[in-house]
Amino acid sequence: MKIKNILSAALVVGFILTVFAGCAKKEPTFRLSQTELNIDCGEKQTLSVALENTGSDPYGIVWESDNTDVATVKSGIVTGVSAGVAVIKARVTVYSNSKTVSEELTCTVTVAGTPTLSAISFEESEQTVAPGSTILLSPVLTPNGAPSTLVWSSSDETVATVDRYGCVTAIGEGTATVTVVDEATSLSAQCTIRVSENASVPTEPTGTELTLNRTQISLYPGEAFYLTVEDAPGELTWGSSNTDIAFIRSDGYVKAVSPGTAVITVTDGINRASCTVTVMYYPSAPEGTTEAPQPTTEEPQPPTDTPTVPDIPTSPEPETPTDGEE
């Protein structure tokens, strides 16, 4: 009888221990979504931390880059700054099982130099226009922000001409092929221009010369600027040579998208004016700091009836030394 009681008690204890072991909370584990990352200058990629066995336990993640001149990180978003290698660290802390558990996860980020152009294309390979009309062709560059030097040409200038910005003017009825070529890579794209009297007729131009408030501007991605035409003669048509770099609204609002150069053109049907928009890479963090200065993303105010051009700061003139001074 005693043996039976002892065995029963042992079974009960074993059962209780098994239940407690099953209910005991496992140690939390952490895992970074990627341990290696290859990006271009100006490119952004997001890292995330997978948490296991944490339940509703409070936790915190501190992100850090060991070389902010190469890559920065904020809330897991990694941005390539310049060519090189940086290690992104995610320090995870969880309060679990009445104790604090911490672990540091790392991802090696390799940032390539300036991206190389790999392809040029047009969204529309054919366009039909009326004689005397003007359209702006905007090639799509791959990857976005890749530097390029584009040269434009027309197969028949008696049908259609094209300027260095991709602005096509229809001359006479017929068909012409407009070609754009990148000088550095010899990559090219073509668009067939059909000029026909049956095409839609553009608004009658005024013939007044167009003058923009700025002919060159430099912006960071996300920044914006208003372009205005002095004494605008009537209906205007705006266009961008590359909307992946900078796009333009019908009211002259320019928005920088990604690093590179785009030409904003405005036309009244005959005359046109242009502004070169340079979208710059985000600045590197100053030496001795961990955060790079961020460009302003404050929206510009729409122009008034009499727009003014922002003052451009100039460097002070050096003082002329007086006699006896070196």
Protein backbone atom coordinates (compact mmCIF):
# COMPACT_ATOMS: atom_id res chain seq x y z
CA MET A 1 0.00 0.00 0.00
CA LYS A 2 2.84 2.34 0.88
CA ILE A 3 4.48 1.67 -2.47
CA LYS A 4 1.25 2.49 -4.28
CA ASN A 5 0.91 5.77 -2.37
CA ILE A 6 4.49 6.70 -3.15
CA LEU A 7 4.02 5.93 -6.85
CA SER A 8 0.78 7.93 -6.95
CA ALA A 9 2.44 10.90 -5.27
CA ALA A 10 5.36 10.71 -7.71
CA LEU A 11 2.97 10.67 -10.66
CA VAL A 12 1.11 13.69 -9.30
CA VAL A 13 4.34 15.62 -8.73
CA GLY A 14 5.58 14.68 -12.18
CA PHE A 15 2.32 15.84 -13.71
CA ILE A 16 2.45 19.14 -11.86
CA LEU A 17 6.08 19.71 -12.93
CA THR A 18 5.16 18.92 -16.52
CA VAL A 19 2.29 21.40 -16.45
CA PHE A 20 4.49 24.13 -14.97
CA ALA A 21 7.22 23.39 -17.49
CA GLY A 22 4.70 23.71 -20.31
CA CYS A 23 3.39 26.98 -18.92
CA ALA A 24 6.83 28.43 -18.29
CA LYS A 25 7.53 31.27 -20.70
CA LYS A 26 10.26 30.69 -23.26
CA GLU A 27 13.14 33.12 -23.55
CA PRO A 28 12.51 35.88 -26.11
CA THR A 29 14.47 35.75 -29.38
CA PHE A 30 15.17 38.48 -31.94
CA ARG A 31 15.99 38.37 -35.64
CA LEU A 32 16.87 41.13 -38.13
CA SER A 33 15.10 40.98 -41.50
CA GLN A 34 18.45 41.20 -43.35
CA THR A 35 22.05 40.77 -42.29
CA GLU A 36 23.51 42.10 -45.56
CA LEU A 37 22.20 44.93 -47.72
CA ASN A 38 23.40 46.43 -51.03
CA ILE A 39 22.00 49.85 -51.98
CA ASP A 40 22.87 52.86 -54.16
CA CYS A 41 23.60 56.41 -53.09
CA GLY A 42 20.33 58.09 -52.18
CA GLU A 43 18.43 54.78 -52.09
CA LYS A 44 16.34 53.84 -49.04
CA GLN A 45 15.66 50.36 -47.68
CA THR A 46 13.78 49.33 -44.53
CA LEU A 47 15.10 46.90 -41.92
CA SER A 48 12.77 45.28 -39.39
CA VAL A 49 13.21 43.21 -36.24
CA ALA A 50 11.20 40.01 -35.77
CA LEU A 51 10.39 39.36 -32.09
CA GLU A 52 9.51 35.87 -30.86
CA ASN A 53 8.24 34.71 -27.46
CA THR A 54 7.75 38.29 -26.28
CA GLY A 55 3.96 38.36 -26.18
CA SER A 56 2.84 41.69 -24.82
CA ASP A 57 6.12 42.37 -23.06
CA PRO A 58 7.35 45.95 -23.44
CA TYR A 59 10.35 46.34 -25.72
CA GLY A 60 12.49 49.00 -27.33
CA ILE A 61 14.78 49.18 -30.39
CA VAL A 62 17.66 51.64 -30.77
CA TRP A 63 19.07 51.99 -34.29
CA GLU A 64 22.61 53.13 -35.01
CA SER A 65 25.08 53.32 -37.91
CA ASP A 66 28.79 52.94 -37.28
CA ASN A 67 29.54 55.18 -40.31
CA THR A 68 26.97 57.86 -41.05
CA ASP A 69 29.12 59.17 -43.92
CA VAL A 70 28.24 55.97 -45.79
CA ALA A 71 24.74 55.11 -44.53
CA THR A 72 22.29 56.53 -42.01
CA VAL A 73 19.40 54.83 -40.25
CA LYS A 74 16.25 56.18 -38.65
CA SER A 75 13.45 53.96 -37.33
CA GLY A 76 14.87 51.11 -39.39
CA ILE A 77 14.99 53.10 -42.66
CA VAL A 78 18.52 52.89 -44.10
CA THR A 79 19.67 55.60 -46.55
CA GLY A 80 22.78 55.31 -48.70
CA VAL A 81 24.89 58.47 -48.41
CA SER A 82 28.17 57.70 -50.18
CA ALA A 83 30.12 54.72 -51.51
CA GLY A 84 31.51 52.43 -48.81
CA VAL A 85 30.53 49.96 -46.09
CA ALA A 86 28.67 50.65 -42.85
CA VAL A 87 27.29 48.41 -40.12
CA ILE A 88 23.73 49.11 -39.01
CA LYS A 89 23.06 48.07 -35.42
CA ALA A 90 19.69 47.36 -33.83
CA ARG A 91 19.89 47.13 -30.05
CA VAL A 92 16.74 45.33 -28.84
CA THR A 93 15.69 45.34 -25.18
CA VAL A 94 12.75 43.35 -23.79
CA TYR A 95 11.49 43.10 -20.21
CA SER A 96 10.44 39.46 -19.96
CA ASN A 97 10.10 36.91 -17.14
CA SER A 98 10.78 39.63 -14.57
CA LYS A 99 14.14 40.42 -16.12
CA THR A 100 15.61 42.56 -18.88
CA VAL A 101 16.85 40.78 -22.01
CA SER A 102 19.01 42.69 -24.51
CA GLU A 103 20.64 41.75 -27.78
CA GLU A 104 22.46 43.64 -30.54
CA LEU A 105 21.65 42.69 -34.13
CA THR A 106 23.75 43.88 -37.08
CA CYS A 107 23.40 44.32 -40.83
CA THR A 108 26.35 45.09 -43.11
CA VAL A 109 25.36 47.74 -45.66
CA THR A 110 27.36 48.21 -48.86
CA VAL A 111 26.62 51.46 -50.68
CA ALA A 112 27.53 51.64 -54.34
CA GLY A 113 28.75 54.86 -55.91
CA THR A 114 26.74 56.98 -58.30
CA PRO A 115 24.18 54.73 -60.03
CA THR A 116 24.84 53.88 -63.67
CA LEU A 117 22.17 54.35 -66.31
CA SER A 118 20.91 50.96 -67.51
CA ALA A 119 17.93 51.82 -69.75
CA ILE A 120 16.04 54.65 -71.45
CA SER A 121 12.45 54.39 -72.59
CA PHE A 122 9.32 56.39 -73.43
CA GLU A 123 5.94 55.71 -71.87
CA GLU A 124 4.40 56.33 -75.31
CA SER A 125 6.27 55.11 -78.39
CA GLU A 126 4.01 57.05 -80.81
CA GLN A 127 2.33 60.44 -80.68
CA THR A 128 0.13 62.26 -83.18
CA VAL A 129 0.15 66.07 -83.25
CA ALA A 130 -1.10 68.90 -85.42
CA PRO A 131 1.23 71.13 -87.47
CA GLY A 132 2.50 74.05 -85.38
CA SER A 133 1.97 72.31 -82.04
CA THR A 134 4.66 71.64 -79.45
CA ILE A 135 5.00 68.68 -77.09
CA LEU A 136 7.62 67.76 -74.49
CA LEU A 137 8.97 64.22 -74.54
CA SER A 138 10.02 62.89 -71.12
CA PRO A 139 12.24 59.80 -71.27
CA VAL A 140 12.14 57.34 -68.37
CA LEU A 141 15.63 56.71 -66.99
CA THR A 142 16.47 53.46 -65.17
CA PRO A 143 17.44 53.50 -62.34
CA ASN A 144 15.88 56.69 -61.03
CA GLY A 145 18.41 59.45 -60.49
CA ALA A 146 21.11 57.92 -62.70
CA PRO A 147 23.21 60.72 -64.24
CA SER A 148 22.84 61.16 -67.98
CA THR A 149 23.80 63.46 -70.85
CA LEU A 150 21.00 63.25 -73.37
CA VAL A 151 21.31 64.18 -77.05
CA TRP A 152 18.15 64.58 -79.12
CA SER A 153 17.65 64.28 -82.90
CA SER A 154 14.87 64.05 -85.48
CA SER A 155 14.95 61.81 -88.56
CA ASP A 156 13.10 64.44 -90.63
CA GLU A 157 13.18 68.08 -89.56
CA THR A 158 10.70 69.02 -92.31
CA VAL A 159 8.15 67.05 -90.29
CA ALA A 160 9.25 67.68 -86.69
CA THR A 161 12.19 69.29 -84.91
CA VAL A 162 13.43 68.64 -81.38
CA ASP A 163 15.57 70.82 -79.11
CA ARG A 164 18.10 69.75 -76.50
CA TYR A 165 15.39 69.51 -73.84
CA GLY A 166 13.17 67.07 -75.75
CA CYS A 167 10.69 69.75 -76.82
CA VAL A 168 9.24 68.65 -80.19
CA THR A 169 7.74 71.14 -82.65
CA ALA A 170 5.53 69.82 -85.45
CA ILE A 171 6.43 71.45 -88.81
CA GLY A 172 4.57 69.69 -91.61
CA GLU A 173 2.52 66.60 -92.28
CA GLY A 174 4.34 63.30 -92.27
CA THR A 175 6.17 60.96 -89.91
CA ALA A 176 9.47 61.50 -88.11
CA THR A 177 11.36 59.49 -85.52
CA VAL A 178 12.71 61.40 -82.53
CA THR A 179 15.69 59.69 -80.90
CA VAL A 180 17.31 60.39 -77.53
CA VAL A 181 20.79 59.00 -76.81
CA ASP A 182 22.86 59.04 -73.64
CA GLU A 183 26.40 60.08 -74.57
CA ALA A 184 28.14 58.06 -71.84
CA THR A 185 26.38 54.70 -72.33
CA SER A 186 25.03 55.02 -75.92
CA LEU A 187 21.66 53.83 -74.62
CA SER A 188 18.77 55.22 -76.64
CA ALA A 189 15.01 55.37 -77.06
CA GLN A 190 12.78 56.41 -79.94
CA CYS A 191 9.36 57.98 -80.33
CA THR A 192 7.45 58.13 -83.61
CA ILE A 193 5.90 61.57 -84.24
CA ARG A 194 3.01 61.66 -86.71
CA VAL A 195 2.04 65.16 -87.84
CA SER A 196 -1.48 65.38 -89.22
CA GLU A 197 -4.02 68.10 -89.87
CA ASN A 198 -6.60 65.78 -88.31
CA ALA A 199 -4.87 65.89 -84.93
CA SER A 200 -6.15 68.19 -82.19
CA VAL A 201 -5.21 71.82 -82.82
CA PRO A 202 -3.29 73.57 -80.00
CA THR A 203 -4.44 76.81 -78.43
CA GLU A 204 -3.54 79.81 -80.56
CA PRO A 205 -0.21 81.14 -79.24
CA THR A 206 0.26 84.78 -78.34
CA GLY A 207 3.77 85.09 -79.72
CA THR A 208 4.94 86.86 -76.55
CA GLU A 209 8.39 85.82 -75.31
CA LEU A 210 8.30 83.81 -72.07
CA THR A 211 10.52 84.62 -69.09
CA LEU A 212 10.73 82.42 -65.98
CA ASN A 213 11.52 83.73 -62.51
CA ARG A 214 14.38 81.20 -62.26
CA THR A 215 16.43 79.38 -64.89
CA GLN A 216 18.30 77.12 -62.42
CA ILE A 217 17.35 75.75 -59.01
CA SER A 218 18.86 73.13 -56.69
CA LEU A 219 16.67 71.09 -54.33
CA TYR A 220 16.85 68.04 -52.09
CA PRO A 221 14.34 65.18 -52.55
CA GLY A 222 11.03 66.26 -51.05
CA GLU A 223 11.63 69.99 -51.41
CA ALA A 224 9.51 72.15 -53.70
CA PHE A 225 9.56 75.50 -55.49
CA TYR A 226 7.13 77.63 -57.50
CA LEU A 227 8.16 78.66 -61.02
CA THR A 228 6.32 81.63 -62.48
CA VAL A 229 6.19 83.28 -65.90
CA GLU A 230 6.52 87.04 -65.95
CA ASP A 231 3.50 88.66 -67.61
CA ALA A 232 2.06 85.27 -68.58
CA PRO A 233 0.36 85.81 -71.96
CA GLY A 234 -2.36 83.19 -71.61
CA GLU A 235 -2.71 79.43 -71.31
CA LEU A 236 0.61 77.72 -70.55
CA THR A 237 1.72 74.11 -70.78
CA TRP A 238 4.32 72.82 -68.33
CA GLY A 239 6.46 69.70 -68.67
CA SER A 240 9.41 67.90 -67.08
CA SER A 241 12.14 66.06 -68.97
CA ASN A 242 12.14 63.44 -66.18
CA THR A 243 9.26 63.23 -63.74
CA ASP A 244 11.13 60.59 -61.69
CA ILE A 245 13.57 63.37 -60.75
CA ALA A 246 11.26 66.39 -60.60
CA PHE A 247 7.62 66.82 -61.55
CA ILE A 248 5.73 70.00 -62.38
CA ARG A 249 2.06 70.89 -61.83
CA SER A 250 -0.02 73.07 -64.10
CA ASP A 251 0.44 76.00 -61.69
CA GLY A 252 4.27 75.93 -61.84
CA TYR A 253 4.75 73.93 -58.62
CA VAL A 254 7.99 71.92 -58.89
CA LYS A 255 8.56 68.95 -56.56
CA ALA A 256 11.97 67.24 -56.25
CA VAL A 257 11.66 63.44 -56.27
CA SER A 258 15.09 61.79 -56.53
CA PRO A 259 18.72 62.83 -57.23
CA GLY A 260 19.52 63.81 -60.80
CA THR A 261 18.85 66.62 -63.28
CA ALA A 262 15.59 67.46 -65.00
CA VAL A 263 14.59 70.33 -67.25
CA ILE A 264 11.26 72.03 -66.61
CA THR A 265 9.83 73.60 -69.77
CA VAL A 266 6.89 75.95 -70.21
CA THR A 267 5.36 76.83 -73.57
CA ASP A 268 2.47 78.84 -74.95
CA GLY A 269 2.49 76.87 -78.20
CA ILE A 270 5.29 78.76 -79.98
CA ASN A 271 7.59 80.33 -77.44
CA ARG A 272 9.06 78.44 -74.51
CA ALA A 273 11.33 78.90 -71.52
CA SER A 274 13.11 76.37 -69.35
CA CYS A 275 14.59 75.91 -65.90
CA THR A 276 17.21 73.28 -65.02
CA VAL A 277 16.37 71.53 -61.74
CA THR A 278 19.22 69.75 -59.96
CA VAL A 279 18.05 67.35 -57.25
CA MET A 280 20.94 66.73 -54.85
CA TYR A 281 21.82 63.77 -52.65
CA TYR A 282 21.12 64.24 -48.96
CA PRO A 283 24.10 65.76 -47.12
CA SER A 284 26.43 63.65 -45.02
CA ALA A 285 26.58 64.07 -41.26
CA PRO A 286 29.17 66.69 -40.19
CA GLU A 287 32.31 65.28 -38.58
CA GLY A 288 31.81 64.49 -34.90
CA THR A 289 28.01 64.16 -35.21
CA THR A 290 25.69 61.23 -35.78
CA GLU A 291 22.80 62.93 -37.54
CA ALA A 292 23.04 64.52 -40.97
CA PRO A 293 21.34 67.91 -41.39
CA GLN A 294 17.96 67.34 -42.99
CA PRO A 295 16.69 69.62 -45.77
CA THR A 296 13.49 71.47 -45.16
CA THR A 297 10.30 69.98 -46.56
CA GLU A 298 8.21 73.05 -45.77
CA GLU A 299 5.81 73.70 -48.61
CA PRO A 300 6.43 76.91 -50.59
CA GLN A 301 3.67 79.49 -50.74
CA PRO A 302 1.78 79.87 -54.03
CA PRO A 303 2.86 82.93 -56.01
CA THR A 304 0.89 86.15 -55.70
CA ASP A 305 -0.28 88.25 -58.63
CA THR A 306 3.12 89.91 -58.64
CA PRO A 307 5.57 87.14 -57.74
CA THR A 308 9.01 88.04 -56.52
CA VAL A 309 12.22 86.12 -57.03
CA PRO A 310 13.88 85.00 -53.78
CA ASP A 311 17.10 86.83 -53.01
CA ILE A 312 20.22 84.81 -53.72
CA PRO A 313 22.81 85.28 -50.94
CA THR A 314 26.17 86.56 -52.10
CA SER A 315 29.56 86.37 -50.46
CA PRO A 316 30.84 89.65 -48.99
CA GLU A 317 33.54 91.44 -50.94
CA PRO A 318 37.02 91.00 -49.38
CA GLU A 319 38.40 94.12 -47.74
CA THR A 320 41.28 95.85 -49.49
CA PRO A 321 44.31 95.97 -47.15
CA THR A 322 45.54 99.40 -46.23
CA ASP A 323 49.18 100.50 -46.35
CA GLY A 324 51.26 98.59 -43.85
CA GLU A 325 48.87 95.61 -43.66
CA GLU A 326 49.59 92.23 -45.17
